[in-house]
Amino acid sequence: MLKVIGSTQCPDTSEALKKLDLKNIKYEFIDILDSLENLKTYLKVRDTQNCYDVVRKNHGIGIPCFITEDKTTLEITEIL
């Protein structure tokens, strides 16, 4: 199942979730501000995935993030 890591406080995350809902794509949402466990999950992804190279270099946040069985991406177009 698709996992989406983001925050309900992030407009980009909210927009992405709306697009997924409109396409009836099922997902598990992990809100990084909901718990320390969720934040740790996000930090592990951010620290280890190549799609975050530029984000890390620029000291960005990098949400929303989309995780499938095959890939991790910051581009919703790769999911839709």
PDB file of N, CA and C in Angstrom:
ATOM      1  N   MET A   1       0.837  -1.178   0.000  1.00  0.00           N
ATOM      2  CA  MET A   1       0.000   0.000   0.000  1.00  0.00           C
ATOM      3  C   MET A   1       0.885   1.246   0.000  1.00  0.00           C
ATOM      4  N   LEU A   2       0.440   2.270  -0.665  1.00  0.00           N
ATOM      5  CA  LEU A   2       1.121   3.555  -0.714  1.00  0.00           C
ATOM      6  C   LEU A   2       1.155   4.181   0.676  1.00  0.00           C
ATOM      7  N   LYS A   3       2.318   4.719   1.041  1.00  0.00           N
ATOM      8  CA  LYS A   3       2.450   5.494   2.260  1.00  0.00           C
ATOM      9  C   LYS A   3       2.762   6.926   1.857  1.00  0.00           C
ATOM     10  N   VAL A   4       2.110   7.849   2.519  1.00  0.00           N
ATOM     11  CA  VAL A   4       2.373   9.270   2.288  1.00  0.00           C
ATOM     12  C   VAL A   4       2.859   9.854   3.604  1.00  0.00           C
ATOM     13  N   ILE A   5       4.061  10.431   3.559  1.00  0.00           N
ATOM     14  CA  ILE A   5       4.603  11.086   4.735  1.00  0.00           C
ATOM     15  C   ILE A   5       4.487  12.587   4.506  1.00  0.00           C
ATOM     16  N   GLY A   6       3.907  13.271   5.477  1.00  0.00           N
ATOM     17  CA  GLY A   6       3.740  14.708   5.355  1.00  0.00           C
ATOM     18  C   GLY A   6       3.202  15.290   6.636  1.00  0.00           C
ATOM     19  N   SER A   7       2.537  16.427   6.499  1.00  0.00           N
ATOM     20  CA  SER A   7       1.952  17.094   7.656  1.00  0.00           C
ATOM     21  C   SER A   7       0.638  17.746   7.247  1.00  0.00           C
ATOM     22  N   THR A   8      -0.325  17.678   8.127  1.00  0.00           N
ATOM     23  CA  THR A   8      -1.604  18.337   7.854  1.00  0.00           C
ATOM     24  C   THR A   8      -1.432  19.855   7.837  1.00  0.00           C
ATOM     25  N   GLN A   9      -0.328  20.350   8.356  1.00  0.00           N
ATOM     26  CA  GLN A   9      -0.051  21.783   8.352  1.00  0.00           C
ATOM     27  C   GLN A   9       0.618  22.249   7.063  1.00  0.00           C
ATOM     28  N   CYS A  10       0.957  21.321   6.193  1.00  0.00           N
ATOM     29  CA  CYS A  10       1.661  21.630   4.944  1.00  0.00           C
ATOM     30  C   CYS A  10       0.659  21.704   3.788  1.00  0.00           C
ATOM     31  N   PRO A  11       0.559  22.839   3.108  1.00  0.00           N
ATOM     32  CA  PRO A  11      -0.384  22.962   1.992  1.00  0.00           C
ATOM     33  C   PRO A  11      -0.088  21.978   0.847  1.00  0.00           C
ATOM     34  N   ASP A  12       1.180  21.680   0.602  1.00  0.00           N
ATOM     35  CA  ASP A  12       1.522  20.721  -0.458  1.00  0.00           C
ATOM     36  C   ASP A  12       1.033  19.318  -0.110  1.00  0.00           C
ATOM     37  N   THR A  13       1.142  18.958   1.156  1.00  0.00           N
ATOM     38  CA  THR A  13       0.642  17.652   1.597  1.00  0.00           C
ATOM     39  C   THR A  13      -0.868  17.591   1.449  1.00  0.00           C
ATOM     40  N   SER A  14      -1.564  18.627   1.891  1.00  0.00           N
ATOM     41  CA  SER A  14      -3.028  18.651   1.787  1.00  0.00           C
ATOM     42  C   SER A  14      -3.482  18.524   0.339  1.00  0.00           C
ATOM     43  N   GLU A  15      -2.820  19.224  -0.550  1.00  0.00           N
ATOM     44  CA  GLU A  15      -3.167  19.165  -1.976  1.00  0.00           C
ATOM     45  C   GLU A  15      -2.912  17.771  -2.545  1.00  0.00           C
ATOM     46  N   ALA A  16      -1.805  17.162  -2.163  1.00  0.00           N
ATOM     47  CA  ALA A  16      -1.483  15.813  -2.640  1.00  0.00           C
ATOM     48  C   ALA A  16      -2.525  14.806  -2.162  1.00  0.00           C
ATOM     49  N   LEU A  17      -2.933  14.902  -0.911  1.00  0.00           N
ATOM     50  CA  LEU A  17      -3.931  13.971  -0.385  1.00  0.00           C
ATOM     51  C   LEU A  17      -5.262  14.141  -1.117  1.00  0.00           C
ATOM     52  N   LYS A  18      -5.625  15.363  -1.446  1.00  0.00           N
ATOM     53  CA  LYS A  18      -6.852  15.606  -2.216  1.00  0.00           C
ATOM     54  C   LYS A  18      -6.777  14.928  -3.586  1.00  0.00           C
ATOM     55  N   LYS A  19      -5.623  15.045  -4.245  1.00  0.00           N
ATOM     56  CA  LYS A  19      -5.451  14.417  -5.560  1.00  0.00           C
ATOM     57  C   LYS A  19      -5.557  12.895  -5.459  1.00  0.00           C
ATOM     58  N   LEU A  20      -4.956  12.321  -4.444  1.00  0.00           N
ATOM     59  CA  LEU A  20      -5.034  10.869  -4.261  1.00  0.00           C
ATOM     60  C   LEU A  20      -6.477  10.445  -3.994  1.00  0.00           C
ATOM     61  N   ASP A  21      -7.176  11.208  -3.169  1.00  0.00           N
ATOM     62  CA  ASP A  21      -8.578  10.901  -2.862  1.00  0.00           C
ATOM     63  C   ASP A  21      -9.447  10.978  -4.116  1.00  0.00           C
ATOM     64  N   LEU A  22      -9.212  11.995  -4.946  1.00  0.00           N
ATOM     65  CA  LEU A  22      -9.992  12.141  -6.183  1.00  0.00           C
ATOM     66  C   LEU A  22      -9.785  10.959  -7.133  1.00  0.00           C
ATOM     67  N   LYS A  23      -8.593  10.381  -7.090  1.00  0.00           N
ATOM     68  CA  LYS A  23      -8.278   9.224  -7.945  1.00  0.00           C
ATOM     69  C   LYS A  23      -8.605   7.903  -7.250  1.00  0.00           C
ATOM     70  N   ASN A  24      -9.183   7.981  -6.052  1.00  0.00           N
ATOM     71  CA  ASN A  24      -9.512   6.790  -5.257  1.00  0.00           C
ATOM     72  C   ASN A  24      -8.303   5.895  -5.012  1.00  0.00           C
ATOM     73  N   ILE A  25      -7.158   6.521  -4.809  1.00  0.00           N
ATOM     74  CA  ILE A  25      -5.935   5.777  -4.502  1.00  0.00           C
ATOM     75  C   ILE A  25      -5.855   5.625  -2.983  1.00  0.00           C
ATOM     76  N   LYS A  26      -5.758   4.395  -2.539  1.00  0.00           N
ATOM     77  CA  LYS A  26      -5.681   4.134  -1.104  1.00  0.00           C
ATOM     78  C   LYS A  26      -4.252   4.375  -0.621  1.00  0.00           C
ATOM     79  N   TYR A  27      -4.149   4.914   0.581  1.00  0.00           N
ATOM     80  CA  TYR A  27      -2.840   5.226   1.145  1.00  0.00           C
ATOM     81  C   TYR A  27      -2.906   5.237   2.665  1.00  0.00           C
ATOM     82  N   GLU A  28      -1.747   5.081   3.257  1.00  0.00           N
ATOM     83  CA  GLU A  28      -1.585   5.270   4.694  1.00  0.00           C
ATOM     84  C   GLU A  28      -0.899   6.618   4.869  1.00  0.00           C
ATOM     85  N   PHE A  29      -1.471   7.497   5.660  1.00  0.00           N
ATOM     86  CA  PHE A  29      -0.893   8.817   5.883  1.00  0.00           C
ATOM     87  C   PHE A  29      -0.127   8.833   7.190  1.00  0.00           C
ATOM     88  N   ILE A  30       1.114   9.276   7.124  1.00  0.00           N
ATOM     89  CA  ILE A  30       1.966   9.395   8.302  1.00  0.00           C
ATOM     90  C   ILE A  30       2.247  10.879   8.511  1.00  0.00           C
ATOM     91  N   ASP A  31       1.617  11.451   9.529  1.00  0.00           N
ATOM     92  CA  ASP A  31       1.773  12.871   9.838  1.00  0.00           C
ATOM     93  C   ASP A  31       2.994  13.040  10.736  1.00  0.00           C
ATOM     94  N   ILE A  32       4.019  13.719  10.229  1.00  0.00           N
ATOM     95  CA  ILE A  32       5.281  13.835  10.963  1.00  0.00           C
ATOM     96  C   ILE A  32       5.151  14.635  12.254  1.00  0.00           C
ATOM     97  N   LEU A  33       4.089  15.428  12.374  1.00  0.00           N
ATOM     98  CA  LEU A  33       3.904  16.222  13.583  1.00  0.00           C
ATOM     99  C   LEU A  33       2.956  15.569  14.586  1.00  0.00           C
ATOM    100  N   ASP A  34       2.473  14.381  14.241  1.00  0.00           N
ATOM    101  CA  ASP A  34       1.519  13.684  15.105  1.00  0.00           C
ATOM    102  C   ASP A  34       2.181  12.976  16.284  1.00  0.00           C
ATOM    103  N   SER A  35       3.395  12.465  16.062  1.00  0.00           N
ATOM    104  CA  SER A  35       4.073  11.741  17.140  1.00  0.00           C
ATOM    105  C   SER A  35       5.569  11.678  16.861  1.00  0.00           C
ATOM    106  N   LEU A  36       6.341  11.418  17.892  1.00  0.00           N
ATOM    107  CA  LEU A  36       7.782  11.250  17.707  1.00  0.00           C
ATOM    108  C   LEU A  36       8.094  10.030  16.859  1.00  0.00           C
ATOM    109  N   GLU A  37       7.291   8.989  16.997  1.00  0.00           N
ATOM    110  CA  GLU A  37       7.493   7.789  16.181  1.00  0.00           C
ATOM    111  C   GLU A  37       7.349   8.125  14.695  1.00  0.00           C
ATOM    112  N   ASN A  38       6.335   8.903  14.341  1.00  0.00           N
ATOM    113  CA  ASN A  38       6.142   9.305  12.942  1.00  0.00           C
ATOM    114  C   ASN A  38       7.305  10.178  12.463  1.00  0.00           C
ATOM    115  N   LEU A  39       7.763  11.080  13.302  1.00  0.00           N
ATOM    116  CA  LEU A  39       8.893  11.931  12.938  1.00  0.00           C
ATOM    117  C   LEU A  39      10.144  11.094  12.714  1.00  0.00           C
ATOM    118  N   LYS A  40      10.377  10.100  13.566  1.00  0.00           N
ATOM    119  CA  LYS A  40      11.530   9.210  13.399  1.00  0.00           C
ATOM    120  C   LYS A  40      11.426   8.426  12.093  1.00  0.00           C
ATOM    121  N   THR A  41      10.226   7.967  11.762  1.00  0.00           N
ATOM    122  CA  THR A  41      10.019   7.251  10.501  1.00  0.00           C
ATOM    123  C   THR A  41      10.413   8.143   9.334  1.00  0.00           C
ATOM    124  N   TYR A  42       9.943   9.387   9.369  1.00  0.00           N
ATOM    125  CA  TYR A  42      10.262  10.332   8.310  1.00  0.00           C
ATOM    126  C   TYR A  42      11.767  10.605   8.238  1.00  0.00           C
ATOM    127  N   LEU A  43      12.395  10.851   9.372  1.00  0.00           N
ATOM    128  CA  LEU A  43      13.820  11.170   9.371  1.00  0.00           C
ATOM    129  C   LEU A  43      14.659  10.026   8.816  1.00  0.00           C
ATOM    130  N   LYS A  44      14.254   8.805   9.089  1.00  0.00           N
ATOM    131  CA  LYS A  44      14.978   7.656   8.537  1.00  0.00           C
ATOM    132  C   LYS A  44      14.891   7.659   7.013  1.00  0.00           C
ATOM    133  N   VAL A  45      13.709   7.922   6.483  1.00  0.00           N
ATOM    134  CA  VAL A  45      13.535   7.990   5.031  1.00  0.00           C
ATOM    135  C   VAL A  45      14.353   9.153   4.474  1.00  0.00           C
ATOM    136  N   ARG A  46      14.233  10.315   5.078  1.00  0.00           N
ATOM    137  CA  ARG A  46      14.913  11.518   4.604  1.00  0.00           C
ATOM    138  C   ARG A  46      16.429  11.344   4.614  1.00  0.00           C
ATOM    139  N   ASP A  47      16.938  10.642   5.608  1.00  0.00           N
ATOM    140  CA  ASP A  47      18.383  10.484   5.744  1.00  0.00           C
ATOM    141  C   ASP A  47      18.964   9.393   4.855  1.00  0.00           C
ATOM    142  N   THR A  48      18.116   8.532   4.296  1.00  0.00           N
ATOM    143  CA  THR A  48      18.649   7.380   3.562  1.00  0.00           C
ATOM    144  C   THR A  48      18.267   7.310   2.086  1.00  0.00           C
ATOM    145  N   GLN A  49      17.274   8.060   1.652  1.00  0.00           N
ATOM    146  CA  GLN A  49      16.807   7.927   0.273  1.00  0.00           C
ATOM    147  C   GLN A  49      17.449   8.974  -0.644  1.00  0.00           C
ATOM    148  N   ASN A  50      17.853   8.526  -1.827  1.00  0.00           N
ATOM    149  CA  ASN A  50      18.521   9.407  -2.787  1.00  0.00           C
ATOM    150  C   ASN A  50      17.643  10.565  -3.252  1.00  0.00           C
ATOM    151  N   CYS A  51      16.335  10.377  -3.271  1.00  0.00           N
ATOM    152  CA  CYS A  51      15.456  11.456  -3.725  1.00  0.00           C
ATOM    153  C   CYS A  51      15.547  12.672  -2.799  1.00  0.00           C
ATOM    154  N   TYR A  52      16.154  12.519  -1.647  1.00  0.00           N
ATOM    155  CA  TYR A  52      16.310  13.617  -0.697  1.00  0.00           C
ATOM    156  C   TYR A  52      17.669  14.302  -0.778  1.00  0.00           C
ATOM    157  N   ASP A  53      18.505  13.934  -1.722  1.00  0.00           N
ATOM    158  CA  ASP A  53      19.840  14.531  -1.815  1.00  0.00           C
ATOM    159  C   ASP A  53      19.785  16.057  -1.881  1.00  0.00           C
ATOM    160  N   VAL A  54      18.983  16.593  -2.785  1.00  0.00           N
ATOM    161  CA  VAL A  54      18.881  18.043  -2.952  1.00  0.00           C
ATOM    162  C   VAL A  54      18.213  18.676  -1.735  1.00  0.00           C
ATOM    163  N   VAL A  55      17.204  18.018  -1.200  1.00  0.00           N
ATOM    164  CA  VAL A  55      16.508  18.530  -0.020  1.00  0.00           C
ATOM    165  C   VAL A  55      17.478  18.673   1.146  1.00  0.00           C
ATOM    166  N   ARG A  56      18.270  17.633   1.376  1.00  0.00           N
ATOM    167  CA  ARG A  56      19.254  17.687   2.463  1.00  0.00           C
ATOM    168  C   ARG A  56      20.280  18.794   2.217  1.00  0.00           C
ATOM    169  N   LYS A  57      20.754  18.899   0.982  1.00  0.00           N
ATOM    170  CA  LYS A  57      21.754  19.911   0.631  1.00  0.00           C
ATOM    171  C   LYS A  57      21.235  21.318   0.896  1.00  0.00           C
ATOM    172  N   ASN A  58      19.949  21.540   0.609  1.00  0.00           N
ATOM    173  CA  ASN A  58      19.347  22.861   0.771  1.00  0.00           C
ATOM    174  C   ASN A  58      18.669  23.055   2.126  1.00  0.00           C
ATOM    175  N   HIS A  59      18.829  22.073   3.021  1.00  0.00           N
ATOM    176  CA  HIS A  59      18.251  22.131   4.369  1.00  0.00           C
ATOM    177  C   HIS A  59      16.729  22.294   4.323  1.00  0.00           C
ATOM    178  N   GLY A  60      16.104  21.623   3.343  1.00  0.00           N
ATOM    179  CA  GLY A  60      14.651  21.662   3.201  1.00  0.00           C
ATOM    180  C   GLY A  60      13.976  20.595   4.037  1.00  0.00           C
ATOM    181  N   ILE A  61      12.659  20.560   3.910  1.00  0.00           N
ATOM    182  CA  ILE A  61      11.879  19.564   4.645  1.00  0.00           C
ATOM    183  C   ILE A  61      11.611  18.351   3.758  1.00  0.00           C
ATOM    184  N   GLY A  62      11.065  18.565   2.567  1.00  0.00           N
ATOM    185  CA  GLY A  62      10.850  17.452   1.642  1.00  0.00           C
ATOM    186  C   GLY A  62       9.586  16.666   1.874  1.00  0.00           C
ATOM    187  N   ILE A  63       8.486  17.373   2.093  1.00  0.00           N
ATOM    188  CA  ILE A  63       7.194  16.691   2.193  1.00  0.00           C
ATOM    189  C   ILE A  63       6.239  17.341   1.211  1.00  0.00           C
ATOM    190  N   PRO A  64       5.305  16.581   0.716  1.00  0.00           N
ATOM    191  CA  PRO A  64       5.024  15.185   1.027  1.00  0.00           C
ATOM    192  C   PRO A  64       5.996  14.235   0.327  1.00  0.00           C
ATOM    193  N   CYS A  65       6.085  13.063   0.888  1.00  0.00           N
ATOM    194  CA  CYS A  65       6.910  11.981   0.350  1.00  0.00           C
ATOM    195  C   CYS A  65       5.996  10.787   0.113  1.00  0.00           C
ATOM    196  N   PHE A  66       6.226  10.090  -0.992  1.00  0.00           N
ATOM    197  CA  PHE A  66       5.381   8.963  -1.382  1.00  0.00           C
ATOM    198  C   PHE A  66       6.230   7.700  -1.431  1.00  0.00           C
ATOM    199  N   ILE A  67       5.784   6.673  -0.729  1.00  0.00           N
ATOM    200  CA  ILE A  67       6.543   5.423  -0.647  1.00  0.00           C
ATOM    201  C   ILE A  67       5.673   4.275  -1.139  1.00  0.00           C
ATOM    202  N   THR A  68       6.178   3.570  -2.145  1.00  0.00           N
ATOM    203  CA  THR A  68       5.530   2.351  -2.629  1.00  0.00           C
ATOM    204  C   THR A  68       6.488   1.191  -2.364  1.00  0.00           C
ATOM    205  N   GLU A  69       6.085   0.005  -2.752  1.00  0.00           N
ATOM    206  CA  GLU A  69       6.977  -1.149  -2.596  1.00  0.00           C
ATOM    207  C   GLU A  69       8.227  -0.993  -3.443  1.00  0.00           C
ATOM    208  N   ASP A  70       8.112  -0.263  -4.557  1.00  0.00           N
ATOM    209  CA  ASP A  70       9.205  -0.160  -5.522  1.00  0.00           C
ATOM    210  C   ASP A  70      10.060   1.088  -5.401  1.00  0.00           C
ATOM    211  N   LYS A  71       9.506   2.168  -4.824  1.00  0.00           N
ATOM    212  CA  LYS A  71      10.271   3.411  -4.835  1.00  0.00           C
ATOM    213  C   LYS A  71       9.802   4.381  -3.760  1.00  0.00           C
ATOM    214  N   THR A  72      10.663   5.361  -3.533  1.00  0.00           N
ATOM    215  CA  THR A  72      10.361   6.509  -2.693  1.00  0.00           C
ATOM    216  C   THR A  72      10.557   7.735  -3.556  1.00  0.00           C
ATOM    217  N   THR A  73       9.554   8.607  -3.575  1.00  0.00           N
ATOM    218  CA  THR A  73       9.630   9.790  -4.440  1.00  0.00           C
ATOM    219  C   THR A  73       8.981  10.987  -3.772  1.00  0.00           C
ATOM    220  N   LEU A  74       9.386  12.142  -4.222  1.00  0.00           N
ATOM    221  CA  LEU A  74       8.776  13.389  -3.778  1.00  0.00           C
ATOM    222  C   LEU A  74       7.816  13.920  -4.830  1.00  0.00           C
ATOM    223  N   GLU A  75       7.649  13.196  -5.910  1.00  0.00           N
ATOM    224  CA  GLU A  75       6.823  13.620  -7.039  1.00  0.00           C
ATOM    225  C   GLU A  75       5.515  12.837  -7.101  1.00  0.00           C
ATOM    226  N   ILE A  76       4.410  13.518  -6.871  1.00  0.00           N
ATOM    227  CA  ILE A  76       3.109  12.834  -6.917  1.00  0.00           C
ATOM    228  C   ILE A  76       2.808  12.337  -8.327  1.00  0.00           C
ATOM    229  N   THR A  77       3.371  12.979  -9.336  1.00  0.00           N
ATOM    230  CA  THR A  77       3.129  12.546 -10.723  1.00  0.00           C
ATOM    231  C   THR A  77       3.619  11.129 -10.958  1.00  0.00           C
ATOM    232  N   GLU A  78       4.577  10.687 -10.173  1.00  0.00           N
ATOM    233  CA  GLU A  78       5.065   9.313 -10.299  1.00  0.00           C
ATOM    234  C   GLU A  78       4.102   8.309  -9.664  1.00  0.00           C
ATOM    235  N   ILE A  79       3.143   8.815  -8.914  1.00  0.00           N
ATOM    236  CA  ILE A  79       2.164   7.952  -8.230  1.00  0.00           C
ATOM    237  C   ILE A  79       0.839   7.937  -8.960  1.00  0.00           C
ATOM    238  N   LEU A  80       0.446   9.076  -9.503  1.00  0.00           N
ATOM    239  CA  LEU A  80      -0.877   9.185 -10.142  1.00  0.00           C
ATOM    240  C   LEU A  80      -0.958   8.434 -11.438  1.00  0.00           C
TER     241      LEU A  80
END
